[in-house]
Amino acid sequence: MANLLSFDIEIANEFTLLPGEDLDKHGPFDISVAAVAHENGTVRHWHATDAHGKPTGTLDARLAREVLEYLREAQLAGTRVFAWNGLSFDLRWLAHTARDVKLAREVAMELYDPMFQFATMKGFPIGLAAVADGLGIAQKKLMSADKAPVEWNAGRHQVVLDYVAGDCTLTNRVVAAIELERRVRWRTKRGDVKSEPMRALRPVKDVMLDPAPDQSWMSDPRPPSAYWTWLSEERASEAR
């Protein structure tokens, strides 16, 4: 099995997300920090720094592109790159900040995104924390995602650095558990645990070819294609 790593970003924008509201309606987002965690435990962060080398502000185009280049170079070297909902969210805003959709698309096609794969199978997304809980993984998320911008903007940078690194390492543990059990288990909002076979984790470029799931029972379904429409939208924006 090739080595693997997981990556994650945190945004710096503070807002209140209403129940059922589309997060992307608040975009475009500024990125406070990005991180990767390799399966051997090595962690790396990207963030802006002040004159004293302390974390500050948000990623500029150079730093965002550096993250994308790191991920792409890892892929080309044979490392499997994972992210939970990375196709729809993390790569979209890295592409926007870096102003490089071409590079982001290269990363996206080779990305392993278990959440996107699940949504393509079942028609709805599931959260990382719910899957970790369902799989019996003791590690917990250090905070909810909406708290990270508040902490970052208040100057409490280390808690955010720890949080984003923790989500990367948690993703690695979830990936390992799914591949061991060849299924995904998650705890529902009702508190019970459900399970679905996932015999192999597959790259986005393969999952995109799968048939659409049955979403006839849903009142407001999000088709799997919606997870990657930003690729063409951003490309059109660049052309103008």
C-alpha atoms as a PDB file:
ATOM      1  CA  MET A   1       0.000   0.000   0.000  1.00  0.00           C
ATOM      2  CA  ALA A   2       1.327   3.431  -0.918  1.00  0.00           C
ATOM      3  CA  ASN A   3       1.950   5.959   1.811  1.00  0.00           C
ATOM      4  CA  LEU A   4      -0.920   8.310   2.532  1.00  0.00           C
ATOM      5  CA  LEU A   5      -1.527  11.750   3.944  1.00  0.00           C
ATOM      6  CA  SER A   6      -4.597  13.801   4.759  1.00  0.00           C
ATOM      7  CA  PHE A   7      -5.013  17.557   4.484  1.00  0.00           C
ATOM      8  CA  ASP A   8      -7.442  20.144   5.784  1.00  0.00           C
ATOM      9  CA  ILE A   9      -7.929  23.910   5.798  1.00  0.00           C
ATOM     10  CA  GLU A  10      -9.581  26.333   8.199  1.00  0.00           C
ATOM     11  CA  ILE A  11     -11.228  29.552   7.120  1.00  0.00           C
ATOM     12  CA  ALA A  12     -10.917  32.929   8.828  1.00  0.00           C
ATOM     13  CA  ASN A  13     -14.415  34.225   8.065  1.00  0.00           C
ATOM     14  CA  GLU A  14     -16.845  34.493  10.970  1.00  0.00           C
ATOM     15  CA  PHE A  15     -20.582  34.055  10.344  1.00  0.00           C
ATOM     16  CA  THR A  16     -23.586  32.190  11.678  1.00  0.00           C
ATOM     17  CA  LEU A  17     -24.730  29.279   9.537  1.00  0.00           C
ATOM     18  CA  LEU A  18     -28.480  28.762   9.738  1.00  0.00           C
ATOM     19  CA  PRO A  19     -29.913  25.214   9.895  1.00  0.00           C
ATOM     20  CA  GLY A  20     -29.849  23.715   6.400  1.00  0.00           C
ATOM     21  CA  GLU A  21     -28.091  26.745   4.920  1.00  0.00           C
ATOM     22  CA  ASP A  22     -25.495  26.195   2.193  1.00  0.00           C
ATOM     23  CA  LEU A  23     -22.052  27.061   3.563  1.00  0.00           C
ATOM     24  CA  ASP A  24     -20.775  28.135   0.143  1.00  0.00           C
ATOM     25  CA  LYS A  25     -23.292  30.988   0.049  1.00  0.00           C
ATOM     26  CA  HIS A  26     -20.957  32.799   2.446  1.00  0.00           C
ATOM     27  CA  GLY A  27     -17.956  32.398   0.133  1.00  0.00           C
ATOM     28  CA  PRO A  28     -15.463  33.241  -1.155  1.00  0.00           C
ATOM     29  CA  PHE A  29     -13.533  32.387   1.979  1.00  0.00           C
ATOM     30  CA  ASP A  30     -10.175  33.473   3.366  1.00  0.00           C
ATOM     31  CA  ILE A  31      -7.957  30.631   4.586  1.00  0.00           C
ATOM     32  CA  SER A  32      -6.300  31.033   7.975  1.00  0.00           C
ATOM     33  CA  VAL A  33      -4.275  27.822   7.914  1.00  0.00           C
ATOM     34  CA  ALA A  34      -3.768  24.608   5.960  1.00  0.00           C
ATOM     35  CA  ALA A  35      -2.193  21.419   7.254  1.00  0.00           C
ATOM     36  CA  VAL A  36      -1.209  17.916   6.215  1.00  0.00           C
ATOM     37  CA  ALA A  37      -0.599  14.845   8.368  1.00  0.00           C
ATOM     38  CA  HIS A  38       1.247  11.831   7.021  1.00  0.00           C
ATOM     39  CA  GLU A  39       0.359   8.356   8.224  1.00  0.00           C
ATOM     40  CA  ASN A  40       3.682   8.245  10.119  1.00  0.00           C
ATOM     41  CA  GLY A  41       2.515  11.183  12.259  1.00  0.00           C
ATOM     42  CA  THR A  42       4.485  13.962  10.543  1.00  0.00           C
ATOM     43  CA  VAL A  43       2.462  17.205  10.435  1.00  0.00           C
ATOM     44  CA  ARG A  44       3.081  20.368   8.427  1.00  0.00           C
ATOM     45  CA  HIS A  45       1.238  23.710   8.568  1.00  0.00           C
ATOM     46  CA  TRP A  46       0.969  26.642   6.162  1.00  0.00           C
ATOM     47  CA  HIS A  47       0.003  30.069   7.494  1.00  0.00           C
ATOM     48  CA  ALA A  48       1.017  33.691   7.189  1.00  0.00           C
ATOM     49  CA  THR A  49       3.550  35.052   9.694  1.00  0.00           C
ATOM     50  CA  ASP A  50       4.351  38.460  11.099  1.00  0.00           C
ATOM     51  CA  ALA A  51       7.786  40.060  11.401  1.00  0.00           C
ATOM     52  CA  HIS A  52       8.500  37.885  14.438  1.00  0.00           C
ATOM     53  CA  GLY A  53       7.523  34.636  12.740  1.00  0.00           C
ATOM     54  CA  LYS A  54       4.247  34.362  14.635  1.00  0.00           C
ATOM     55  CA  PRO A  55       1.056  33.162  12.898  1.00  0.00           C
ATOM     56  CA  THR A  56      -1.147  35.940  11.596  1.00  0.00           C
ATOM     57  CA  GLY A  57      -3.640  36.899   8.908  1.00  0.00           C
ATOM     58  CA  THR A  58      -4.584  34.608   6.040  1.00  0.00           C
ATOM     59  CA  LEU A  59      -2.936  32.700   3.214  1.00  0.00           C
ATOM     60  CA  ASP A  60      -1.991  34.693   0.126  1.00  0.00           C
ATOM     61  CA  ALA A  61      -1.814  33.279  -3.410  1.00  0.00           C
ATOM     62  CA  ARG A  62       1.795  32.166  -2.985  1.00  0.00           C
ATOM     63  CA  LEU A  63       1.127  30.152   0.162  1.00  0.00           C
ATOM     64  CA  ALA A  64      -2.058  28.612  -1.206  1.00  0.00           C
ATOM     65  CA  ARG A  65      -0.248  27.542  -4.350  1.00  0.00           C
ATOM     66  CA  GLU A  66       2.534  26.095  -2.221  1.00  0.00           C
ATOM     67  CA  VAL A  67      -0.042  23.858  -0.518  1.00  0.00           C
ATOM     68  CA  LEU A  68      -1.415  22.690  -3.870  1.00  0.00           C
ATOM     69  CA  GLU A  69       2.095  22.038  -5.190  1.00  0.00           C
ATOM     70  CA  TYR A  70       2.941  19.993  -2.103  1.00  0.00           C
ATOM     71  CA  LEU A  71      -0.189  17.857  -2.532  1.00  0.00           C
ATOM     72  CA  ARG A  72       0.390  17.348  -6.251  1.00  0.00           C
ATOM     73  CA  GLU A  73       4.029  16.432  -5.794  1.00  0.00           C
ATOM     74  CA  ALA A  74       2.999  13.897  -3.151  1.00  0.00           C
ATOM     75  CA  GLN A  75       0.491  12.362  -5.550  1.00  0.00           C
ATOM     76  CA  LEU A  76       3.030  12.147  -8.356  1.00  0.00           C
ATOM     77  CA  ALA A  77       5.419  10.414  -5.949  1.00  0.00           C
ATOM     78  CA  GLY A  78       2.819   7.718  -5.278  1.00  0.00           C
ATOM     79  CA  THR A  79       1.289   9.019  -2.044  1.00  0.00           C
ATOM     80  CA  ARG A  80      -2.469   8.753  -1.713  1.00  0.00           C
ATOM     81  CA  VAL A  81      -3.830  12.162  -0.701  1.00  0.00           C
ATOM     82  CA  PHE A  82      -7.042  12.199   1.356  1.00  0.00           C
ATOM     83  CA  ALA A  83      -9.408  14.884   2.596  1.00  0.00           C
ATOM     84  CA  TRP A  84     -12.861  14.686   4.137  1.00  0.00           C
ATOM     85  CA  ASN A  85     -15.076  16.747   1.824  1.00  0.00           C
ATOM     86  CA  GLY A  86     -11.865  18.062   0.296  1.00  0.00           C
ATOM     87  CA  LEU A  87     -13.246  18.006  -3.245  1.00  0.00           C
ATOM     88  CA  SER A  88     -16.166  20.315  -2.569  1.00  0.00           C
ATOM     89  CA  PHE A  89     -14.614  22.615   0.022  1.00  0.00           C
ATOM     90  CA  ASP A  90     -10.886  22.583   0.758  1.00  0.00           C
ATOM     91  CA  LEU A  91      -9.643  22.368  -2.827  1.00  0.00           C
ATOM     92  CA  ARG A  92     -12.212  24.862  -4.051  1.00  0.00           C
ATOM     93  CA  TRP A  93     -10.986  27.599  -1.746  1.00  0.00           C
ATOM     94  CA  LEU A  94      -7.333  26.722  -2.154  1.00  0.00           C
ATOM     95  CA  ALA A  95      -7.868  27.074  -5.906  1.00  0.00           C
ATOM     96  CA  HIS A  96      -9.617  30.407  -5.432  1.00  0.00           C
ATOM     97  CA  THR A  97      -6.908  31.788  -3.142  1.00  0.00           C
ATOM     98  CA  ALA A  98      -4.045  30.455  -5.270  1.00  0.00           C
ATOM     99  CA  ARG A  99      -5.771  31.619  -8.465  1.00  0.00           C
ATOM    100  CA  ASP A 100      -4.789  28.283  -9.979  1.00  0.00           C
ATOM    101  CA  VAL A 101      -7.760  26.078 -10.880  1.00  0.00           C
ATOM    102  CA  LYS A 102      -5.644  24.011 -13.264  1.00  0.00           C
ATOM    103  CA  LEU A 103      -3.364  22.796 -10.487  1.00  0.00           C
ATOM    104  CA  ALA A 104      -6.279  22.316  -8.093  1.00  0.00           C
ATOM    105  CA  ARG A 105      -8.070  20.220 -10.692  1.00  0.00           C
ATOM    106  CA  GLU A 106      -5.021  17.972 -11.068  1.00  0.00           C
ATOM    107  CA  VAL A 107      -5.029  17.412  -7.311  1.00  0.00           C
ATOM    108  CA  ALA A 108      -8.815  16.941  -7.263  1.00  0.00           C
ATOM    109  CA  MET A 109      -8.888  14.205  -9.879  1.00  0.00           C
ATOM    110  CA  GLU A 110      -6.362  12.106  -7.930  1.00  0.00           C
ATOM    111  CA  LEU A 111      -7.801  12.966  -4.510  1.00  0.00           C
ATOM    112  CA  TYR A 112      -9.367  10.339  -2.246  1.00  0.00           C
ATOM    113  CA  ASP A 113     -12.422  11.871  -0.594  1.00  0.00           C
ATOM    114  CA  PRO A 114     -14.346   9.217   1.390  1.00  0.00           C
ATOM    115  CA  MET A 115     -17.153  11.674   2.139  1.00  0.00           C
ATOM    116  CA  PHE A 116     -17.701  12.356  -1.568  1.00  0.00           C
ATOM    117  CA  GLN A 117     -17.555   8.630  -2.287  1.00  0.00           C
ATOM    118  CA  PHE A 118     -20.195   7.979   0.389  1.00  0.00           C
ATOM    119  CA  ALA A 119     -22.431  10.802  -0.871  1.00  0.00           C
ATOM    120  CA  THR A 120     -22.211   9.361  -4.383  1.00  0.00           C
ATOM    121  CA  MET A 121     -23.286   5.969  -3.028  1.00  0.00           C
ATOM    122  CA  LYS A 122     -26.043   7.046  -0.639  1.00  0.00           C
ATOM    123  CA  GLY A 123     -27.086  10.506  -1.815  1.00  0.00           C
ATOM    124  CA  PHE A 124     -26.244  12.409   1.375  1.00  0.00           C
ATOM    125  CA  PRO A 125     -23.051  13.472   3.185  1.00  0.00           C
ATOM    126  CA  ILE A 126     -21.797  12.414   6.609  1.00  0.00           C
ATOM    127  CA  GLY A 127     -19.427  14.229   8.939  1.00  0.00           C
ATOM    128  CA  LEU A 128     -15.961  13.134   9.975  1.00  0.00           C
ATOM    129  CA  ALA A 129     -16.842  13.150  13.681  1.00  0.00           C
ATOM    130  CA  ALA A 130     -19.922  10.979  13.118  1.00  0.00           C
ATOM    131  CA  VAL A 131     -17.871   8.397  11.211  1.00  0.00           C
ATOM    132  CA  ALA A 132     -15.058   8.396  13.763  1.00  0.00           C
ATOM    133  CA  ASP A 133     -17.629   7.804  16.495  1.00  0.00           C
ATOM    134  CA  GLY A 134     -19.347   5.049  14.528  1.00  0.00           C
ATOM    135  CA  LEU A 135     -16.031   3.318  13.900  1.00  0.00           C
ATOM    136  CA  GLY A 136     -15.154   3.443  17.599  1.00  0.00           C
ATOM    137  CA  ILE A 137     -12.195   5.796  17.223  1.00  0.00           C
ATOM    138  CA  ALA A 138     -11.437   7.415  20.563  1.00  0.00           C
ATOM    139  CA  GLN A 139      -9.865  10.578  19.125  1.00  0.00           C
ATOM    140  CA  LYS A 140     -12.312  13.490  19.086  1.00  0.00           C
ATOM    141  CA  LYS A 141     -12.405  16.731  17.147  1.00  0.00           C
ATOM    142  CA  LEU A 142     -10.945  19.505  19.309  1.00  0.00           C
ATOM    143  CA  MET A 143     -13.704  21.985  18.453  1.00  0.00           C
ATOM    144  CA  SER A 144     -16.464  22.625  15.957  1.00  0.00           C
ATOM    145  CA  ALA A 145     -15.394  24.163  12.648  1.00  0.00           C
ATOM    146  CA  ASP A 146     -17.284  27.409  13.285  1.00  0.00           C
ATOM    147  CA  LYS A 147     -15.148  28.095  16.379  1.00  0.00           C
ATOM    148  CA  ALA A 148     -11.840  28.030  14.484  1.00  0.00           C
ATOM    149  CA  PRO A 149     -12.256  31.472  12.816  1.00  0.00           C
ATOM    150  CA  VAL A 150     -13.196  33.028  16.152  1.00  0.00           C
ATOM    151  CA  GLU A 151     -10.126  31.577  17.872  1.00  0.00           C
ATOM    152  CA  TRP A 152      -7.804  32.528  15.006  1.00  0.00           C
ATOM    153  CA  ASN A 153      -9.025  36.105  14.768  1.00  0.00           C
ATOM    154  CA  ALA A 154      -8.750  36.468  18.550  1.00  0.00           C
ATOM    155  CA  GLY A 155      -5.057  35.588  18.314  1.00  0.00           C
ATOM    156  CA  ARG A 156      -5.385  32.137  19.843  1.00  0.00           C
ATOM    157  CA  HIS A 157      -3.533  30.608  16.927  1.00  0.00           C
ATOM    158  CA  GLN A 158      -2.110  27.510  18.598  1.00  0.00           C
ATOM    159  CA  VAL A 159      -5.518  26.032  19.377  1.00  0.00           C
ATOM    160  CA  VAL A 160      -6.409  26.338  15.686  1.00  0.00           C
ATOM    161  CA  LEU A 161      -3.087  24.848  14.601  1.00  0.00           C
ATOM    162  CA  ASP A 162      -3.735  21.920  16.946  1.00  0.00           C
ATOM    163  CA  TYR A 163      -7.313  21.610  15.708  1.00  0.00           C
ATOM    164  CA  VAL A 164      -6.524  21.474  11.986  1.00  0.00           C
ATOM    165  CA  ALA A 165      -3.675  19.007  12.588  1.00  0.00           C
ATOM    166  CA  GLY A 166      -6.027  16.900  14.704  1.00  0.00           C
ATOM    167  CA  ASP A 167      -8.591  16.732  11.914  1.00  0.00           C
ATOM    168  CA  CYS A 168      -5.878  15.555   9.518  1.00  0.00           C
ATOM    169  CA  THR A 169      -4.700  12.802  11.853  1.00  0.00           C
ATOM    170  CA  LEU A 170      -8.308  11.842  12.593  1.00  0.00           C
ATOM    171  CA  THR A 171      -8.960  11.494   8.862  1.00  0.00           C
ATOM    172  CA  ASN A 172      -5.962   9.188   8.601  1.00  0.00           C
ATOM    173  CA  ARG A 173      -7.350   7.019  11.398  1.00  0.00           C
ATOM    174  CA  VAL A 174     -10.805   6.919   9.832  1.00  0.00           C
ATOM    175  CA  VAL A 175      -9.312   5.939   6.465  1.00  0.00           C
ATOM    176  CA  ALA A 176      -7.336   3.129   8.110  1.00  0.00           C
ATOM    177  CA  ALA A 177     -10.463   1.848   9.871  1.00  0.00           C
ATOM    178  CA  ILE A 178     -12.585   1.931   6.717  1.00  0.00           C
ATOM    179  CA  GLU A 179      -9.940   0.050   4.761  1.00  0.00           C
ATOM    180  CA  LEU A 180      -9.558  -2.509   7.537  1.00  0.00           C
ATOM    181  CA  GLU A 181     -13.294  -3.170   7.872  1.00  0.00           C
ATOM    182  CA  ARG A 182     -14.115  -2.527   4.201  1.00  0.00           C
ATOM    183  CA  ARG A 183     -17.158  -0.597   5.345  1.00  0.00           C
ATOM    184  CA  VAL A 184     -18.057   2.778   6.812  1.00  0.00           C
ATOM    185  CA  ARG A 185     -19.991   3.094  10.041  1.00  0.00           C
ATOM    186  CA  TRP A 186     -21.408   6.336  11.387  1.00  0.00           C
ATOM    187  CA  ARG A 187     -23.473   7.543  14.310  1.00  0.00           C
ATOM    188  CA  THR A 188     -26.700   9.181  13.227  1.00  0.00           C
ATOM    189  CA  LYS A 189     -28.249  12.268  14.794  1.00  0.00           C
ATOM    190  CA  ARG A 190     -30.676   9.887  16.518  1.00  0.00           C
ATOM    191  CA  GLY A 191     -27.746   8.210  18.225  1.00  0.00           C
ATOM    192  CA  ASP A 192     -27.763   4.823  16.543  1.00  0.00           C
ATOM    193  CA  VAL A 193     -24.921   3.426  14.429  1.00  0.00           C
ATOM    194  CA  LYS A 194     -25.451   2.582  10.775  1.00  0.00           C
ATOM    195  CA  SER A 195     -23.140   0.766   8.398  1.00  0.00           C
ATOM    196  CA  GLU A 196     -22.524   0.646   4.672  1.00  0.00           C
ATOM    197  CA  PRO A 197     -20.035  -1.494   2.708  1.00  0.00           C
ATOM    198  CA  MET A 198     -17.123   0.463   1.240  1.00  0.00           C
ATOM    199  CA  ARG A 199     -14.894  -2.251  -0.089  1.00  0.00           C
ATOM    200  CA  ALA A 200     -12.293   0.055  -1.594  1.00  0.00           C
ATOM    201  CA  LEU A 201     -11.534   3.754  -1.318  1.00  0.00           C
ATOM    202  CA  ARG A 202     -11.268   5.210  -4.804  1.00  0.00           C
ATOM    203  CA  PRO A 203      -9.967   8.441  -6.334  1.00  0.00           C
ATOM    204  CA  VAL A 204     -12.369  11.189  -7.320  1.00  0.00           C
ATOM    205  CA  LYS A 205     -11.803  10.659 -11.056  1.00  0.00           C
ATOM    206  CA  ASP A 206     -13.243   7.131 -10.703  1.00  0.00           C
ATOM    207  CA  VAL A 207     -16.080   7.987  -8.323  1.00  0.00           C
ATOM    208  CA  MET A 208     -17.246  10.745 -10.687  1.00  0.00           C
ATOM    209  CA  LEU A 209     -18.132   8.045 -13.229  1.00  0.00           C
ATOM    210  CA  ASP A 210     -20.470   6.187 -10.858  1.00  0.00           C
ATOM    211  CA  PRO A 211     -24.235   6.287 -11.462  1.00  0.00           C
ATOM    212  CA  ALA A 212     -26.198   8.853  -9.495  1.00  0.00           C
ATOM    213  CA  PRO A 213     -27.771   7.581  -6.258  1.00  0.00           C
ATOM    214  CA  ASP A 214     -31.505   7.421  -5.624  1.00  0.00           C
ATOM    215  CA  GLN A 215     -32.403  10.761  -4.054  1.00  0.00           C
ATOM    216  CA  SER A 216     -36.112  10.617  -4.804  1.00  0.00           C
ATOM    217  CA  TRP A 217     -36.885  10.417  -1.090  1.00  0.00           C
ATOM    218  CA  MET A 218     -35.044  13.663  -0.311  1.00  0.00           C
ATOM    219  CA  SER A 219     -36.751  17.071  -0.190  1.00  0.00           C
ATOM    220  CA  ASP A 220     -33.638  19.046  -1.153  1.00  0.00           C
ATOM    221  CA  PRO A 221     -31.094  16.644  -2.688  1.00  0.00           C
ATOM    222  CA  ARG A 222     -27.585  17.667  -3.632  1.00  0.00           C
ATOM    223  CA  PRO A 223     -26.504  15.693  -6.707  1.00  0.00           C
ATOM    224  CA  PRO A 224     -22.946  14.319  -6.642  1.00  0.00           C
ATOM    225  CA  SER A 225     -22.062  16.559  -9.585  1.00  0.00           C
ATOM    226  CA  ALA A 226     -22.572  19.581  -7.323  1.00  0.00           C
ATOM    227  CA  TYR A 227     -19.406  18.632  -5.462  1.00  0.00           C
ATOM    228  CA  TRP A 228     -17.215  19.457  -8.453  1.00  0.00           C
ATOM    229  CA  THR A 229     -19.136  22.134 -10.397  1.00  0.00           C
ATOM    230  CA  TRP A 230     -16.774  24.745  -8.949  1.00  0.00           C
ATOM    231  CA  LEU A 231     -14.058  23.428 -11.258  1.00  0.00           C
ATOM    232  CA  SER A 232     -15.831  24.716 -14.336  1.00  0.00           C
ATOM    233  CA  GLU A 233     -17.168  27.812 -12.566  1.00  0.00           C
ATOM    234  CA  GLU A 234     -13.716  28.894 -11.440  1.00  0.00           C
ATOM    235  CA  ARG A 235     -12.243  28.161 -14.864  1.00  0.00           C
ATOM    236  CA  ALA A 236     -14.887  30.380 -16.494  1.00  0.00           C
ATOM    237  CA  SER A 237     -14.127  33.118 -13.976  1.00  0.00           C
ATOM    238  CA  GLU A 238     -10.419  32.937 -14.812  1.00  0.00           C
ATOM    239  CA  ALA A 239     -11.180  33.255 -18.536  1.00  0.00           C
ATOM    240  CA  ARG A 240     -13.118  36.478 -18.134  1.00  0.00           C
END
